[in-house]
Amino acid sequence: MRIARLMAVLALLAVATGARADEKKSDQKSAQKKAEKPTFKAMKTSTVTAKVKSVDQKTRMVTLVNDDGESTTFKADSRIKNLKQVKPGDVVSATLTETLTARVMNPSEAVPVAAQGSSTASAPLGAKPAAYHVEDAYMVAQVVALDKENMVVTLRGPKGNTYPVKARDKKNVDKLAVGDNIEIHAARALALEVSTPQK
């Protein structure tokens, strides 16, 4: 998962607003609100489907066709252990879900080490083919420069590379300071499933 892509979403950070009280409380809340650090959460899901037009069990060649009539032919990988269960007319669906969370860490928090991982699961032998694969990335980037006039935040990743990010909300840029550490967690999950349509 590209670190530069993770950095770019920090430009979308949003902060909730509080209710007003009397003038004294309003001043306290205003100061407190200014001190609040931005956070961000996002999720995107997309699904594509296609029908099995043909499958050759000996050569493992499979042809899929989408709703627009476009077809693609490929050789099924040997790791697909349930190809024998696939028949013409079956529907193949793939769902990709991407999530991202980011928050500015408190100065007292220890900065953890960046990490990446992945895991895969598949359907049991004899079932219709299905698989689930997830990739996780965790890192901390530090704010190394702020150009508040042009709303550009420069972040340094765990490998020392710097990434200038153009922010969209000046209020969020005003809440950042050079030296702030931003914790970023991203995940990408792909679910594949073959099913027989109900008649």
N, C-alpha and C. Protein backbone atom coordinates (compact mmCIF):
# COMPACT_ATOMS: atom_id res chain seq x y z
N MET A 1 0.85 -1.17 0.00
CA MET A 1 0.00 0.00 0.00
C MET A 1 0.89 1.23 0.00
N ARG A 2 0.66 2.17 -0.91
CA ARG A 2 1.57 3.30 -1.06
C ARG A 2 1.41 4.31 0.05
N ILE A 3 2.54 4.64 0.69
CA ILE A 3 2.52 5.59 1.80
C ILE A 3 2.10 6.97 1.32
N ALA A 4 2.52 7.36 0.12
CA ALA A 4 2.16 8.69 -0.40
C ALA A 4 0.65 8.84 -0.49
N ARG A 5 -0.04 7.76 -0.85
CA ARG A 5 -1.50 7.81 -0.94
C ARG A 5 -2.13 8.01 0.42
N LEU A 6 -1.54 7.37 1.44
CA LEU A 6 -2.05 7.53 2.80
C LEU A 6 -1.87 8.97 3.26
N MET A 7 -0.74 9.55 2.89
CA MET A 7 -0.47 10.92 3.30
C MET A 7 -1.47 11.89 2.69
N ALA A 8 -1.82 11.67 1.44
CA ALA A 8 -2.67 12.61 0.72
C ALA A 8 -4.04 12.79 1.36
N VAL A 9 -4.56 11.74 1.99
CA VAL A 9 -5.91 11.85 2.57
C VAL A 9 -5.93 12.73 3.81
N LEU A 10 -4.78 13.02 4.36
CA LEU A 10 -4.75 13.87 5.55
C LEU A 10 -5.27 15.27 5.25
N ALA A 11 -5.30 15.64 3.99
CA ALA A 11 -5.84 16.94 3.61
C ALA A 11 -7.33 17.04 3.87
N LEU A 12 -7.99 15.90 4.07
CA LEU A 12 -9.44 15.88 4.26
C LEU A 12 -9.86 15.85 5.72
N LEU A 13 -8.92 16.02 6.65
CA LEU A 13 -9.23 15.90 8.07
C LEU A 13 -10.35 16.84 8.49
N ALA A 14 -11.26 16.34 9.35
CA ALA A 14 -12.41 17.14 9.79
C ALA A 14 -12.52 17.14 11.30
N VAL A 15 -13.08 18.20 11.86
CA VAL A 15 -13.24 18.33 13.30
C VAL A 15 -14.69 18.68 13.62
N ALA A 16 -15.25 18.03 14.63
CA ALA A 16 -16.63 18.34 15.03
C ALA A 16 -16.67 19.65 15.81
N THR A 17 -17.82 20.34 15.75
CA THR A 17 -17.99 21.60 16.49
C THR A 17 -18.85 21.37 17.72
N GLY A 18 -18.69 22.22 18.72
CA GLY A 18 -19.45 22.09 19.96
C GLY A 18 -20.57 23.10 20.05
N ALA A 19 -21.46 22.96 21.04
CA ALA A 19 -22.57 23.89 21.24
C ALA A 19 -22.09 25.12 22.00
N ARG A 20 -22.81 26.25 21.85
CA ARG A 20 -22.44 27.50 22.53
C ARG A 20 -23.06 27.54 23.93
N ALA A 21 -22.35 28.23 24.86
CA ALA A 21 -22.87 28.45 26.21
C ALA A 21 -22.76 29.94 26.49
N ASP A 22 -22.64 30.33 27.78
CA ASP A 22 -22.47 31.74 28.07
C ASP A 22 -21.09 32.19 27.60
N GLU A 23 -20.80 33.51 27.68
CA GLU A 23 -19.59 34.07 27.08
C GLU A 23 -18.32 33.46 27.64
N LYS A 24 -18.26 33.24 28.97
CA LYS A 24 -17.06 32.68 29.58
C LYS A 24 -16.82 31.26 29.09
N LYS A 25 -17.90 30.46 29.11
CA LYS A 25 -17.78 29.07 28.63
C LYS A 25 -17.48 29.05 27.14
N SER A 26 -18.05 30.01 26.42
CA SER A 26 -17.80 30.09 24.98
C SER A 26 -16.33 30.34 24.70
N ASP A 27 -15.70 31.24 25.49
CA ASP A 27 -14.27 31.51 25.32
C ASP A 27 -13.45 30.27 25.62
N GLN A 28 -13.84 29.54 26.70
CA GLN A 28 -13.11 28.32 27.04
C GLN A 28 -13.26 27.29 25.93
N LYS A 29 -14.48 27.15 25.43
CA LYS A 29 -14.70 26.18 24.37
C LYS A 29 -13.96 26.57 23.11
N SER A 30 -13.93 27.89 22.84
CA SER A 30 -13.22 28.36 21.66
C SER A 30 -11.73 28.02 21.74
N ALA A 31 -11.14 28.25 22.90
CA ALA A 31 -9.72 27.93 23.09
C ALA A 31 -9.51 26.42 23.01
N GLN A 32 -10.45 25.68 23.61
CA GLN A 32 -10.34 24.22 23.60
C GLN A 32 -10.49 23.69 22.18
N LYS A 33 -11.45 24.28 21.44
CA LYS A 33 -11.69 23.84 20.07
C LYS A 33 -10.47 24.11 19.19
N LYS A 34 -9.83 25.27 19.43
CA LYS A 34 -8.63 25.60 18.66
C LYS A 34 -7.51 24.60 18.95
N ALA A 35 -7.49 24.08 20.17
CA ALA A 35 -6.44 23.14 20.56
C ALA A 35 -6.72 21.73 20.05
N GLU A 36 -7.99 21.44 19.71
CA GLU A 36 -8.34 20.10 19.22
C GLU A 36 -7.54 19.79 17.97
N LYS A 37 -7.15 18.56 17.86
CA LYS A 37 -6.40 18.14 16.68
C LYS A 37 -7.34 17.39 15.74
N PRO A 38 -7.14 17.54 14.43
CA PRO A 38 -8.03 16.90 13.46
C PRO A 38 -7.92 15.37 13.47
N THR A 39 -9.02 14.72 13.11
CA THR A 39 -9.05 13.26 12.91
C THR A 39 -9.79 12.99 11.60
N PHE A 40 -9.62 11.79 11.09
CA PHE A 40 -10.23 11.46 9.80
C PHE A 40 -10.56 9.96 9.77
N LYS A 41 -11.75 9.66 9.23
CA LYS A 41 -12.15 8.26 9.01
C LYS A 41 -12.87 8.20 7.67
N ALA A 42 -12.54 7.20 6.87
CA ALA A 42 -13.20 7.04 5.58
C ALA A 42 -13.24 5.57 5.19
N MET A 43 -14.28 5.22 4.40
CA MET A 43 -14.40 3.86 3.89
C MET A 43 -15.01 3.93 2.50
N LYS A 44 -14.49 3.12 1.60
CA LYS A 44 -15.00 3.06 0.23
C LYS A 44 -15.13 1.60 -0.16
N THR A 45 -16.29 1.24 -0.73
CA THR A 45 -16.53 -0.14 -1.16
C THR A 45 -16.99 -0.13 -2.61
N SER A 46 -16.44 -1.03 -3.41
CA SER A 46 -16.89 -1.18 -4.80
C SER A 46 -16.97 -2.66 -5.14
N THR A 47 -17.97 -3.01 -5.94
CA THR A 47 -18.20 -4.41 -6.31
C THR A 47 -18.34 -4.53 -7.82
N VAL A 48 -17.71 -5.55 -8.39
CA VAL A 48 -17.88 -5.86 -9.82
C VAL A 48 -18.31 -7.32 -9.92
N THR A 49 -19.15 -7.60 -10.93
CA THR A 49 -19.63 -8.97 -11.13
C THR A 49 -19.48 -9.35 -12.60
N ALA A 50 -19.37 -10.65 -12.84
CA ALA A 50 -19.31 -11.19 -14.21
C ALA A 50 -19.86 -12.61 -14.17
N LYS A 51 -20.33 -13.07 -15.33
CA LYS A 51 -20.84 -14.44 -15.45
C LYS A 51 -19.80 -15.33 -16.08
N VAL A 52 -19.79 -16.58 -15.64
CA VAL A 52 -18.89 -17.57 -16.25
C VAL A 52 -19.50 -17.98 -17.58
N LYS A 53 -18.78 -17.70 -18.67
CA LYS A 53 -19.26 -18.09 -20.00
C LYS A 53 -18.83 -19.52 -20.31
N SER A 54 -17.58 -19.83 -19.97
CA SER A 54 -17.09 -21.20 -20.19
C SER A 54 -15.95 -21.49 -19.22
N VAL A 55 -15.76 -22.78 -18.95
CA VAL A 55 -14.65 -23.21 -18.11
C VAL A 55 -14.17 -24.57 -18.63
N ASP A 56 -12.87 -24.66 -18.89
CA ASP A 56 -12.27 -25.91 -19.36
C ASP A 56 -11.47 -26.48 -18.20
N GLN A 57 -11.95 -27.57 -17.63
CA GLN A 57 -11.32 -28.13 -16.44
C GLN A 57 -9.93 -28.70 -16.73
N LYS A 58 -9.68 -29.18 -17.96
CA LYS A 58 -8.37 -29.75 -18.27
C LYS A 58 -7.31 -28.66 -18.41
N THR A 59 -7.63 -27.61 -19.17
CA THR A 59 -6.64 -26.55 -19.40
C THR A 59 -6.73 -25.44 -18.35
N ARG A 60 -7.81 -25.45 -17.56
CA ARG A 60 -8.08 -24.45 -16.52
C ARG A 60 -8.32 -23.06 -17.11
N MET A 61 -8.74 -23.01 -18.38
CA MET A 61 -9.07 -21.73 -19.01
C MET A 61 -10.52 -21.37 -18.70
N VAL A 62 -10.71 -20.12 -18.23
CA VAL A 62 -12.04 -19.64 -17.83
C VAL A 62 -12.34 -18.37 -18.62
N THR A 63 -13.55 -18.27 -19.13
CA THR A 63 -13.99 -17.05 -19.81
C THR A 63 -15.14 -16.44 -19.02
N LEU A 64 -14.98 -15.15 -18.68
CA LEU A 64 -16.00 -14.41 -17.97
C LEU A 64 -16.56 -13.32 -18.88
N VAL A 65 -17.83 -12.98 -18.71
CA VAL A 65 -18.46 -11.92 -19.48
C VAL A 65 -19.22 -11.00 -18.53
N ASN A 66 -19.09 -9.67 -18.73
CA ASN A 66 -19.80 -8.74 -17.85
C ASN A 66 -21.15 -8.35 -18.45
N ASP A 67 -21.88 -7.46 -17.79
CA ASP A 67 -23.22 -7.06 -18.23
C ASP A 67 -23.20 -6.33 -19.57
N ASP A 68 -22.05 -5.74 -19.93
CA ASP A 68 -21.93 -5.02 -21.21
C ASP A 68 -21.53 -5.94 -22.35
N GLY A 69 -21.36 -7.23 -22.06
CA GLY A 69 -20.99 -8.19 -23.08
C GLY A 69 -19.49 -8.32 -23.30
N GLU A 70 -18.69 -7.57 -22.54
CA GLU A 70 -17.24 -7.68 -22.67
C GLU A 70 -16.78 -8.96 -21.99
N SER A 71 -15.85 -9.66 -22.63
CA SER A 71 -15.39 -10.92 -22.06
C SER A 71 -13.89 -10.89 -21.84
N THR A 72 -13.46 -11.73 -20.92
CA THR A 72 -12.04 -11.89 -20.64
C THR A 72 -11.78 -13.37 -20.38
N THR A 73 -10.67 -13.86 -20.89
CA THR A 73 -10.30 -15.27 -20.71
C THR A 73 -8.95 -15.33 -20.00
N PHE A 74 -8.85 -16.22 -19.04
CA PHE A 74 -7.61 -16.36 -18.27
C PHE A 74 -7.45 -17.81 -17.83
N LYS A 75 -6.22 -18.14 -17.45
CA LYS A 75 -5.94 -19.47 -16.91
C LYS A 75 -6.05 -19.39 -15.40
N ALA A 76 -6.92 -20.20 -14.81
CA ALA A 76 -7.12 -20.21 -13.36
C ALA A 76 -5.85 -20.71 -12.67
N ASP A 77 -5.42 -19.97 -11.69
CA ASP A 77 -4.23 -20.31 -10.92
C ASP A 77 -4.40 -21.67 -10.25
N SER A 78 -3.31 -22.39 -10.10
CA SER A 78 -3.37 -23.73 -9.47
C SER A 78 -3.82 -23.66 -8.01
N ARG A 79 -3.72 -22.46 -7.40
CA ARG A 79 -4.17 -22.32 -6.01
C ARG A 79 -5.69 -22.32 -5.88
N ILE A 80 -6.40 -22.16 -7.02
CA ILE A 80 -7.87 -22.25 -6.99
C ILE A 80 -8.22 -23.73 -6.94
N LYS A 81 -8.46 -24.21 -5.73
CA LYS A 81 -8.63 -25.65 -5.53
C LYS A 81 -10.04 -26.15 -5.83
N ASN A 82 -10.99 -25.23 -6.01
CA ASN A 82 -12.39 -25.64 -6.22
C ASN A 82 -12.89 -25.31 -7.63
N LEU A 83 -11.99 -25.29 -8.61
CA LEU A 83 -12.40 -24.96 -9.97
C LEU A 83 -13.43 -25.94 -10.50
N LYS A 84 -13.38 -27.19 -10.05
CA LYS A 84 -14.34 -28.20 -10.51
C LYS A 84 -15.78 -27.83 -10.17
N GLN A 85 -15.97 -26.97 -9.19
CA GLN A 85 -17.32 -26.56 -8.78
C GLN A 85 -17.88 -25.44 -9.64
N VAL A 86 -17.04 -24.85 -10.52
CA VAL A 86 -17.47 -23.71 -11.34
C VAL A 86 -18.12 -24.22 -12.62
N LYS A 87 -19.31 -23.67 -12.92
CA LYS A 87 -20.07 -24.05 -14.10
C LYS A 87 -20.45 -22.80 -14.90
N PRO A 88 -20.66 -22.96 -16.22
CA PRO A 88 -21.16 -21.82 -17.00
C PRO A 88 -22.47 -21.31 -16.39
N GLY A 89 -22.61 -19.98 -16.35
CA GLY A 89 -23.79 -19.36 -15.74
C GLY A 89 -23.56 -18.92 -14.31
N ASP A 90 -22.53 -19.46 -13.65
CA ASP A 90 -22.21 -19.01 -12.29
C ASP A 90 -21.80 -17.54 -12.33
N VAL A 91 -22.00 -16.87 -11.21
CA VAL A 91 -21.67 -15.45 -11.10
C VAL A 91 -20.42 -15.29 -10.22
N VAL A 92 -19.45 -14.55 -10.74
CA VAL A 92 -18.24 -14.23 -9.98
C VAL A 92 -18.36 -12.79 -9.52
N SER A 93 -18.23 -12.57 -8.22
CA SER A 93 -18.28 -11.20 -7.71
C SER A 93 -17.02 -10.90 -6.92
N ALA A 94 -16.54 -9.67 -7.07
CA ALA A 94 -15.35 -9.22 -6.35
C ALA A 94 -15.71 -7.90 -5.66
N THR A 95 -15.50 -7.84 -4.35
CA THR A 95 -15.80 -6.62 -3.58
C THR A 95 -14.51 -6.13 -2.93
N LEU A 96 -14.18 -4.88 -3.22
CA LEU A 96 -12.98 -4.25 -2.65
C LEU A 96 -13.44 -3.20 -1.64
N THR A 97 -12.96 -3.32 -0.40
CA THR A 97 -13.27 -2.36 0.65
C THR A 97 -11.98 -1.74 1.16
N GLU A 98 -11.91 -0.42 1.11
CA GLU A 98 -10.73 0.30 1.59
C GLU A 98 -11.13 1.20 2.75
N THR A 99 -10.38 1.14 3.84
CA THR A 99 -10.66 1.98 5.00
C THR A 99 -9.39 2.73 5.39
N LEU A 100 -9.60 3.92 5.95
CA LEU A 100 -8.47 4.73 6.39
C LEU A 100 -8.88 5.52 7.62
N THR A 101 -8.04 5.49 8.64
CA THR A 101 -8.22 6.34 9.82
C THR A 101 -6.91 7.06 10.09
N ALA A 102 -7.03 8.29 10.54
CA ALA A 102 -5.84 9.08 10.87
C ALA A 102 -6.17 9.98 12.05
N ARG A 103 -5.20 10.17 12.93
CA ARG A 103 -5.40 11.06 14.08
C ARG A 103 -4.06 11.65 14.49
N VAL A 104 -4.12 12.85 15.04
CA VAL A 104 -2.92 13.47 15.58
C VAL A 104 -2.72 12.92 16.98
N MET A 105 -1.53 12.39 17.25
CA MET A 105 -1.23 11.77 18.54
C MET A 105 -0.96 12.83 19.60
N ASN A 106 -1.21 12.46 20.85
CA ASN A 106 -0.84 13.33 21.97
C ASN A 106 0.68 13.33 22.09
N PRO A 107 1.28 14.47 22.50
CA PRO A 107 2.74 14.54 22.61
C PRO A 107 3.33 13.50 23.57
N SER A 108 2.53 13.04 24.55
CA SER A 108 3.06 12.09 25.52
C SER A 108 3.05 10.64 25.01
N GLU A 109 2.38 10.38 23.90
CA GLU A 109 2.29 9.01 23.38
C GLU A 109 3.60 8.58 22.74
N ALA A 110 3.95 7.33 22.96
CA ALA A 110 5.15 6.77 22.32
C ALA A 110 4.84 6.51 20.85
N VAL A 111 5.80 6.77 19.99
CA VAL A 111 5.60 6.56 18.56
C VAL A 111 5.91 5.10 18.23
N PRO A 112 4.88 4.35 17.79
CA PRO A 112 5.11 2.94 17.47
C PRO A 112 5.83 2.77 16.14
N VAL A 113 6.33 1.59 15.91
CA VAL A 113 7.03 1.25 14.67
C VAL A 113 6.01 1.00 13.57
N ALA A 114 6.33 1.43 12.35
CA ALA A 114 5.46 1.17 11.20
C ALA A 114 5.38 -0.34 10.97
N ALA A 115 4.22 -0.77 10.48
CA ALA A 115 4.02 -2.20 10.25
C ALA A 115 3.09 -2.42 9.07
N GLN A 116 3.32 -3.54 8.38
CA GLN A 116 2.44 -3.97 7.31
C GLN A 116 2.18 -5.46 7.48
N GLY A 117 1.00 -5.88 7.07
CA GLY A 117 0.68 -7.30 7.17
C GLY A 117 -0.42 -7.67 6.20
N SER A 118 -0.60 -8.95 6.01
CA SER A 118 -1.67 -9.42 5.14
C SER A 118 -2.10 -10.81 5.58
N SER A 119 -3.33 -11.15 5.22
CA SER A 119 -3.82 -12.50 5.51
C SER A 119 -4.80 -12.91 4.41
N THR A 120 -4.90 -14.22 4.20
CA THR A 120 -5.75 -14.76 3.14
C THR A 120 -6.49 -15.97 3.66
N ALA A 121 -7.74 -16.10 3.23
CA ALA A 121 -8.54 -17.28 3.57
C ALA A 121 -9.29 -17.71 2.31
N SER A 122 -9.61 -19.00 2.22
CA SER A 122 -10.34 -19.49 1.05
C SER A 122 -11.39 -20.51 1.47
N ALA A 123 -12.29 -20.80 0.55
CA ALA A 123 -13.38 -21.74 0.82
C ALA A 123 -12.83 -23.15 1.01
N PRO A 124 -13.53 -23.99 1.79
CA PRO A 124 -13.06 -25.37 1.97
C PRO A 124 -13.18 -26.17 0.68
N LEU A 125 -12.40 -27.23 0.59
CA LEU A 125 -12.41 -28.11 -0.58
C LEU A 125 -13.81 -28.64 -0.82
N GLY A 126 -14.26 -28.56 -2.08
CA GLY A 126 -15.58 -29.07 -2.44
C GLY A 126 -16.65 -27.99 -2.51
N ALA A 127 -16.37 -26.79 -2.00
CA ALA A 127 -17.34 -25.68 -2.05
C ALA A 127 -17.10 -24.86 -3.31
N LYS A 128 -18.02 -23.95 -3.59
CA LYS A 128 -17.79 -23.00 -4.67
C LYS A 128 -16.56 -22.16 -4.31
N PRO A 129 -15.74 -21.78 -5.29
CA PRO A 129 -14.56 -20.98 -4.98
C PRO A 129 -14.93 -19.66 -4.29
N ALA A 130 -14.16 -19.32 -3.29
CA ALA A 130 -14.31 -18.04 -2.58
C ALA A 130 -12.98 -17.77 -1.89
N ALA A 131 -12.65 -16.49 -1.77
CA ALA A 131 -11.40 -16.12 -1.11
C ALA A 131 -11.55 -14.73 -0.51
N TYR A 132 -10.76 -14.50 0.52
CA TYR A 132 -10.75 -13.20 1.18
C TYR A 132 -9.29 -12.85 1.46
N HIS A 133 -8.88 -11.67 1.03
CA HIS A 133 -7.50 -11.23 1.23
C HIS A 133 -7.53 -9.82 1.80
N VAL A 134 -6.78 -9.59 2.86
CA VAL A 134 -6.73 -8.26 3.46
C VAL A 134 -5.28 -7.83 3.65
N GLU A 135 -5.01 -6.56 3.38
CA GLU A 135 -3.70 -5.96 3.60
C GLU A 135 -3.87 -4.80 4.58
N ASP A 136 -3.01 -4.75 5.58
CA ASP A 136 -3.04 -3.68 6.58
C ASP A 136 -1.73 -2.92 6.55
N ALA A 137 -1.81 -1.61 6.73
CA ALA A 137 -0.61 -0.79 6.86
C ALA A 137 -0.81 0.18 8.01
N TYR A 138 0.21 0.29 8.85
CA TYR A 138 0.16 1.19 10.00
C TYR A 138 1.45 1.99 10.02
N MET A 139 1.34 3.30 10.19
CA MET A 139 2.53 4.12 10.22
C MET A 139 2.25 5.41 10.99
N VAL A 140 3.31 6.10 11.32
CA VAL A 140 3.22 7.42 11.94
C VAL A 140 4.03 8.38 11.09
N ALA A 141 3.40 9.49 10.68
CA ALA A 141 4.08 10.54 9.92
C ALA A 141 4.18 11.78 10.80
N GLN A 142 5.25 12.51 10.64
CA GLN A 142 5.45 13.72 11.45
C GLN A 142 5.32 14.97 10.58
N VAL A 143 4.64 15.98 11.13
CA VAL A 143 4.54 17.27 10.45
C VAL A 143 5.91 17.95 10.58
N VAL A 144 6.57 18.20 9.44
CA VAL A 144 7.90 18.82 9.49
C VAL A 144 7.89 20.25 8.98
N ALA A 145 6.83 20.65 8.28
CA ALA A 145 6.72 22.03 7.82
C ALA A 145 5.25 22.36 7.57
N LEU A 146 4.91 23.64 7.82
CA LEU A 146 3.55 24.12 7.60
C LEU A 146 3.61 25.42 6.80
N ASP A 147 2.94 25.45 5.68
CA ASP A 147 2.77 26.68 4.91
C ASP A 147 1.29 27.02 5.02
N LYS A 148 0.93 27.74 6.09
CA LYS A 148 -0.48 28.01 6.37
C LYS A 148 -1.11 28.89 5.31
N GLU A 149 -0.34 29.81 4.73
CA GLU A 149 -0.89 30.71 3.72
C GLU A 149 -1.34 29.94 2.49
N ASN A 150 -0.53 28.98 2.06
CA ASN A 150 -0.87 28.16 0.89
C ASN A 150 -1.52 26.83 1.27
N MET A 151 -1.74 26.61 2.57
CA MET A 151 -2.39 25.40 3.09
C MET A 151 -1.66 24.12 2.66
N VAL A 152 -0.33 24.12 2.79
CA VAL A 152 0.47 22.95 2.46
C VAL A 152 1.12 22.41 3.73
N VAL A 153 0.88 21.13 4.00
CA VAL A 153 1.46 20.45 5.16
C VAL A 153 2.50 19.47 4.63
N THR A 154 3.72 19.56 5.14
CA THR A 154 4.76 18.62 4.72
C THR A 154 4.93 17.57 5.81
N LEU A 155 4.80 16.31 5.41
CA LEU A 155 4.88 15.18 6.35
C LEU A 155 6.13 14.37 6.05
N ARG A 156 6.72 13.81 7.10
CA ARG A 156 7.87 12.90 6.94
C ARG A 156 7.44 11.52 7.39
N GLY A 157 7.60 10.53 6.51
CA GLY A 157 7.23 9.17 6.81
C GLY A 157 8.30 8.45 7.61
N PRO A 158 8.05 7.20 7.99
CA PRO A 158 8.99 6.44 8.82
C PRO A 158 10.33 6.17 8.15
N LYS A 159 10.39 6.24 6.81
CA LYS A 159 11.66 6.01 6.11
C LYS A 159 12.41 7.30 5.84
N GLY A 160 11.87 8.43 6.35
CA GLY A 160 12.54 9.71 6.18
C GLY A 160 12.11 10.49 4.95
N ASN A 161 11.27 9.90 4.11
CA ASN A 161 10.79 10.60 2.92
C ASN A 161 9.78 11.67 3.33
N THR A 162 9.80 12.80 2.62
CA THR A 162 8.84 13.87 2.92
C THR A 162 7.79 13.96 1.82
N TYR A 163 6.57 14.34 2.22
CA TYR A 163 5.44 14.41 1.32
C TYR A 163 4.68 15.71 1.56
N PRO A 164 4.71 16.66 0.62
CA PRO A 164 3.87 17.84 0.78
C PRO A 164 2.43 17.49 0.44
N VAL A 165 1.50 17.91 1.29
CA VAL A 165 0.08 17.62 1.10
C VAL A 165 -0.67 18.93 1.08
N LYS A 166 -1.46 19.15 0.02
CA LYS A 166 -2.28 20.35 -0.09
C LYS A 166 -3.57 20.10 0.68
N ALA A 167 -3.80 20.89 1.74
CA ALA A 167 -4.99 20.73 2.56
C ALA A 167 -6.18 21.42 1.91
N ARG A 168 -7.37 21.01 2.31
CA ARG A 168 -8.59 21.61 1.78
C ARG A 168 -9.29 22.50 2.79
N ASP A 169 -8.95 22.36 4.05
CA ASP A 169 -9.64 23.10 5.10
C ASP A 169 -8.62 23.86 5.95
N LYS A 170 -8.65 25.18 5.86
CA LYS A 170 -7.69 26.01 6.58
C LYS A 170 -7.80 25.82 8.09
N LYS A 171 -9.03 25.57 8.58
CA LYS A 171 -9.22 25.38 10.03
C LYS A 171 -8.39 24.20 10.53
N ASN A 172 -8.31 23.15 9.72
CA ASN A 172 -7.53 21.98 10.14
C ASN A 172 -6.03 22.26 10.10
N VAL A 173 -5.59 23.02 9.12
CA VAL A 173 -4.17 23.38 9.04
C VAL A 173 -3.79 24.21 10.26
N ASP A 174 -4.68 25.13 10.66
CA ASP A 174 -4.41 25.98 11.83
C ASP A 174 -4.28 25.17 13.11
N LYS A 175 -4.84 23.98 13.15
CA LYS A 175 -4.80 23.15 14.35
C LYS A 175 -3.56 22.27 14.42
N LEU A 176 -2.78 22.27 13.34
CA LEU A 176 -1.57 21.46 13.31
C LEU A 176 -0.36 22.29 13.72
N ALA A 177 0.68 21.61 14.17
CA ALA A 177 1.92 22.28 14.54
C ALA A 177 3.09 21.42 14.07
N VAL A 178 4.19 22.08 13.73
CA VAL A 178 5.40 21.34 13.36
C VAL A 178 5.78 20.46 14.54
N GLY A 179 6.06 19.19 14.26
CA GLY A 179 6.39 18.24 15.32
C GLY A 179 5.24 17.31 15.66
N ASP A 180 4.00 17.65 15.25
CA ASP A 180 2.87 16.75 15.49
C ASP A 180 3.10 15.42 14.81
N ASN A 181 2.76 14.34 15.50
CA ASN A 181 2.82 13.00 14.93
C ASN A 181 1.41 12.57 14.55
N ILE A 182 1.25 12.06 13.33
CA ILE A 182 -0.06 11.63 12.84
C ILE A 182 -0.04 10.12 12.64
N GLU A 183 -0.92 9.45 13.38
CA GLU A 183 -1.05 7.99 13.29
C GLU A 183 -2.00 7.66 12.15
N ILE A 184 -1.56 6.79 11.23
CA ILE A 184 -2.35 6.44 10.06
C ILE A 184 -2.50 4.92 10.00
N HIS A 185 -3.74 4.47 9.83
CA HIS A 185 -4.01 3.03 9.67
C HIS A 185 -4.87 2.85 8.42
N ALA A 186 -4.39 2.06 7.47
CA ALA A 186 -5.13 1.80 6.24
C ALA A 186 -5.29 0.30 6.05
N ALA A 187 -6.42 -0.09 5.48
CA ALA A 187 -6.66 -1.50 5.19
C ALA A 187 -7.36 -1.62 3.85
N ARG A 188 -7.01 -2.67 3.12
CA ARG A 188 -7.65 -2.97 1.84
C ARG A 188 -8.05 -4.44 1.86
N ALA A 189 -9.34 -4.70 1.69
CA ALA A 189 -9.84 -6.08 1.73
C ALA A 189 -10.51 -6.42 0.42
N LEU A 190 -10.17 -7.58 -0.14
CA LEU A 190 -10.77 -8.05 -1.37
C LEU A 190 -11.46 -9.38 -1.11
N ALA A 191 -12.76 -9.42 -1.41
CA ALA A 191 -13.54 -10.65 -1.23
C ALA A 191 -13.99 -11.14 -2.61
N LEU A 192 -13.67 -12.38 -2.93
CA LEU A 192 -14.07 -13.00 -4.21
C LEU A 192 -15.01 -14.15 -3.91
N GLU A 193 -16.06 -14.26 -4.73
CA GLU A 193 -17.05 -15.32 -4.48
C GLU A 193 -17.66 -15.77 -5.80
N VAL A 194 -17.84 -17.08 -5.92
CA VAL A 194 -18.54 -17.66 -7.07
C VAL A 194 -19.84 -18.24 -6.55
N SER A 195 -20.94 -17.88 -7.21
CA SER A 195 -22.25 -18.39 -6.75
C SER A 195 -23.09 -18.79 -7.94
N THR A 196 -24.05 -19.67 -7.70
CA THR A 196 -25.00 -20.09 -8.74
C THR A 196 -26.27 -19.28 -8.57
N PRO A 197 -26.70 -18.54 -9.61
CA PRO A 197 -27.91 -17.72 -9.45
C PRO A 197 -29.14 -18.58 -9.18
N GLN A 198 -30.05 -18.04 -8.39
CA GLN A 198 -31.31 -18.74 -8.11
C GLN A 198 -32.19 -18.70 -9.34
N LYS A 199 -32.84 -19.81 -9.65
CA LYS A 199 -33.70 -19.86 -10.84
C LYS A 199 -35.16 -19.70 -10.44
